[in-house]
Amino acid sequence: MKRNLWNELAKRARLASPAPVEMPFRFEEDVLGAVRQSARQPWNPLSVWLPVLRPALGVAFAISIACLFLNNKSAAKPTTDFVSETESLIQMAVLNE
């Protein structure tokens, strides 16, 4: 008669004592305590977006500073002095009379 190893293994597993239920590495105290503590706080959408907004604001600030710097250093920028242009227009208007 051939032994049925699967049936014997299943029988031994049913008769064996269950493993202890204790979780290792203070899982209950640390992780579940943090979950319980965060569940008490109200949901704030800003806290969800803050990790995205911080780098985006930094990049936007850096780009705006770079644009201002390049705008001041640009040689192709036409110089417009509205005071001198207004003065020349007034002089031309007075001389044509």
C-alpha atoms as a PDB file:
ATOM      1  CA  MET A   1       0.000   0.000   0.000  1.00  0.00           C
ATOM      2  CA  LYS A   2       1.326   3.405  -1.002  1.00  0.00           C
ATOM      3  CA  ARG A   3       1.514   6.180   1.603  1.00  0.00           C
ATOM      4  CA  ASN A   4      -0.396   9.357   0.863  1.00  0.00           C
ATOM      5  CA  LEU A   5       2.061  12.025   1.992  1.00  0.00           C
ATOM      6  CA  TRP A   6      -0.269  14.964   1.329  1.00  0.00           C
ATOM      7  CA  ASN A   7      -2.951  13.574   3.647  1.00  0.00           C
ATOM      8  CA  GLU A   8      -0.386  12.949   6.373  1.00  0.00           C
ATOM      9  CA  LEU A   9       0.995  16.445   6.025  1.00  0.00           C
ATOM     10  CA  ALA A  10      -2.497  17.975   6.187  1.00  0.00           C
ATOM     11  CA  LYS A  11      -3.289  15.879   9.294  1.00  0.00           C
ATOM     12  CA  ARG A  12      -0.084  17.029  11.020  1.00  0.00           C
ATOM     13  CA  ALA A  13      -0.835  20.654  10.131  1.00  0.00           C
ATOM     14  CA  ARG A  14      -4.322  20.397  11.652  1.00  0.00           C
ATOM     15  CA  LEU A  15      -2.975  18.863  14.847  1.00  0.00           C
ATOM     16  CA  ALA A  16      -0.091  21.322  15.241  1.00  0.00           C
ATOM     17  CA  SER A  17      -0.394  24.170  17.722  1.00  0.00           C
ATOM     18  CA  PRO A  18      -0.877  27.598  16.158  1.00  0.00           C
ATOM     19  CA  ALA A  19       2.039  29.994  15.981  1.00  0.00           C
ATOM     20  CA  PRO A  20       2.140  32.872  18.438  1.00  0.00           C
ATOM     21  CA  VAL A  21       0.094  35.881  17.322  1.00  0.00           C
ATOM     22  CA  GLU A  22       2.612  38.445  18.558  1.00  0.00           C
ATOM     23  CA  MET A  23       3.993  40.715  15.851  1.00  0.00           C
ATOM     24  CA  PRO A  24       7.766  41.174  15.691  1.00  0.00           C
ATOM     25  CA  PHE A  25       9.820  44.366  15.951  1.00  0.00           C
ATOM     26  CA  ARG A  26       7.252  46.396  17.927  1.00  0.00           C
ATOM     27  CA  PHE A  27       5.020  46.612  14.871  1.00  0.00           C
ATOM     28  CA  GLU A  28       1.907  47.179  16.932  1.00  0.00           C
ATOM     29  CA  GLU A  29       3.344  50.010  18.977  1.00  0.00           C
ATOM     30  CA  ASP A  30       5.142  51.894  16.198  1.00  0.00           C
ATOM     31  CA  VAL A  31       3.275  51.401  12.961  1.00  0.00           C
ATOM     32  CA  LEU A  32      -0.246  50.875  14.199  1.00  0.00           C
ATOM     33  CA  GLY A  33       0.194  53.692  16.741  1.00  0.00           C
ATOM     34  CA  ALA A  34       1.184  56.067  13.937  1.00  0.00           C
ATOM     35  CA  VAL A  35      -1.829  54.964  11.900  1.00  0.00           C
ATOM     36  CA  ARG A  36      -4.158  55.553  14.833  1.00  0.00           C
ATOM     37  CA  GLN A  37      -2.610  58.950  15.515  1.00  0.00           C
ATOM     38  CA  SER A  38      -2.899  60.079  11.901  1.00  0.00           C
ATOM     39  CA  ALA A  39      -6.512  58.923  11.756  1.00  0.00           C
ATOM     40  CA  ARG A  40      -7.423  61.418  14.481  1.00  0.00           C
ATOM     41  CA  GLN A  41      -6.183  64.420  12.524  1.00  0.00           C
ATOM     42  CA  PRO A  42      -8.530  65.989   9.970  1.00  0.00           C
ATOM     43  CA  TRP A  43      -7.659  65.550   6.307  1.00  0.00           C
ATOM     44  CA  ASN A  44      -5.861  68.539   4.857  1.00  0.00           C
ATOM     45  CA  PRO A  45      -5.454  68.708   1.050  1.00  0.00           C
ATOM     46  CA  LEU A  46      -2.496  71.073   1.425  1.00  0.00           C
ATOM     47  CA  SER A  47      -0.534  68.358   3.210  1.00  0.00           C
ATOM     48  CA  VAL A  48      -1.059  66.082   0.219  1.00  0.00           C
ATOM     49  CA  TRP A  49       0.106  68.709  -2.302  1.00  0.00           C
ATOM     50  CA  LEU A  50       2.964  70.137  -0.224  1.00  0.00           C
ATOM     51  CA  PRO A  51       5.612  67.638  -1.433  1.00  0.00           C
ATOM     52  CA  VAL A  52       4.759  68.641  -5.019  1.00  0.00           C
ATOM     53  CA  LEU A  53       4.429  72.379  -4.401  1.00  0.00           C
ATOM     54  CA  ARG A  54       7.767  72.890  -2.639  1.00  0.00           C
ATOM     55  CA  PRO A  55       9.979  71.858  -5.561  1.00  0.00           C
ATOM     56  CA  ALA A  56       7.633  73.523  -8.067  1.00  0.00           C
ATOM     57  CA  LEU A  57       7.841  76.841  -6.223  1.00  0.00           C
ATOM     58  CA  GLY A  58      11.618  76.516  -6.004  1.00  0.00           C
ATOM     59  CA  VAL A  59      11.934  75.877  -9.725  1.00  0.00           C
ATOM     60  CA  ALA A  60       9.562  78.753 -10.532  1.00  0.00           C
ATOM     61  CA  PHE A  61      11.579  81.108  -8.322  1.00  0.00           C
ATOM     62  CA  ALA A  62      14.863  80.027  -9.923  1.00  0.00           C
ATOM     63  CA  ILE A  63      13.458  80.461 -13.437  1.00  0.00           C
ATOM     64  CA  SER A  64      12.080  83.921 -12.630  1.00  0.00           C
ATOM     65  CA  ILE A  65      15.434  85.047 -11.181  1.00  0.00           C
ATOM     66  CA  ALA A  66      17.240  83.690 -14.254  1.00  0.00           C
ATOM     67  CA  CYS A  67      14.806  85.489 -16.584  1.00  0.00           C
ATOM     68  CA  LEU A  68      15.266  88.774 -14.709  1.00  0.00           C
ATOM     69  CA  PHE A  69      19.043  88.390 -14.831  1.00  0.00           C
ATOM     70  CA  LEU A  70      19.061  87.573 -18.550  1.00  0.00           C
ATOM     71  CA  ASN A  71      16.647  90.409 -19.276  1.00  0.00           C
ATOM     72  CA  ASN A  72      18.986  92.929 -17.662  1.00  0.00           C
ATOM     73  CA  LYS A  73      22.062  91.508 -19.417  1.00  0.00           C
ATOM     74  CA  SER A  74      20.457  91.313 -22.845  1.00  0.00           C
ATOM     75  CA  ALA A  75      22.322  93.420 -25.446  1.00  0.00           C
ATOM     76  CA  ALA A  76      19.514  93.235 -28.023  1.00  0.00           C
ATOM     77  CA  LYS A  77      17.105  94.946 -25.659  1.00  0.00           C
ATOM     78  CA  PRO A  78      16.113  98.376 -27.029  1.00  0.00           C
ATOM     79  CA  THR A  79      16.596 101.171 -24.558  1.00  0.00           C
ATOM     80  CA  THR A  80      13.456 103.177 -24.075  1.00  0.00           C
ATOM     81  CA  ASP A  81      13.653 106.257 -21.947  1.00  0.00           C
ATOM     82  CA  PHE A  82      10.153 107.611 -21.834  1.00  0.00           C
ATOM     83  CA  VAL A  83      11.228 110.925 -20.289  1.00  0.00           C
ATOM     84  CA  SER A  84      13.647 111.745 -23.087  1.00  0.00           C
ATOM     85  CA  GLU A  85      11.172 110.614 -25.740  1.00  0.00           C
ATOM     86  CA  THR A  86       8.451 112.800 -24.244  1.00  0.00           C
ATOM     87  CA  GLU A  87      10.846 115.739 -24.076  1.00  0.00           C
ATOM     88  CA  SER A  88      11.814 115.335 -27.730  1.00  0.00           C
ATOM     89  CA  LEU A  89       8.159 115.113 -28.780  1.00  0.00           C
ATOM     90  CA  ILE A  90       7.373 118.316 -26.873  1.00  0.00           C
ATOM     91  CA  GLN A  91      10.355 120.081 -28.485  1.00  0.00           C
ATOM     92  CA  MET A  92       9.267 118.999 -31.950  1.00  0.00           C
ATOM     93  CA  ALA A  93       5.727 120.166 -31.268  1.00  0.00           C
ATOM     94  CA  VAL A  94       6.953 123.582 -30.042  1.00  0.00           C
ATOM     95  CA  LEU A  95       9.353 124.057 -32.976  1.00  0.00           C
ATOM     96  CA  ASN A  96       6.719 123.241 -35.578  1.00  0.00           C
ATOM     97  CA  GLU A  97       4.488 126.107 -34.422  1.00  0.00           C
END
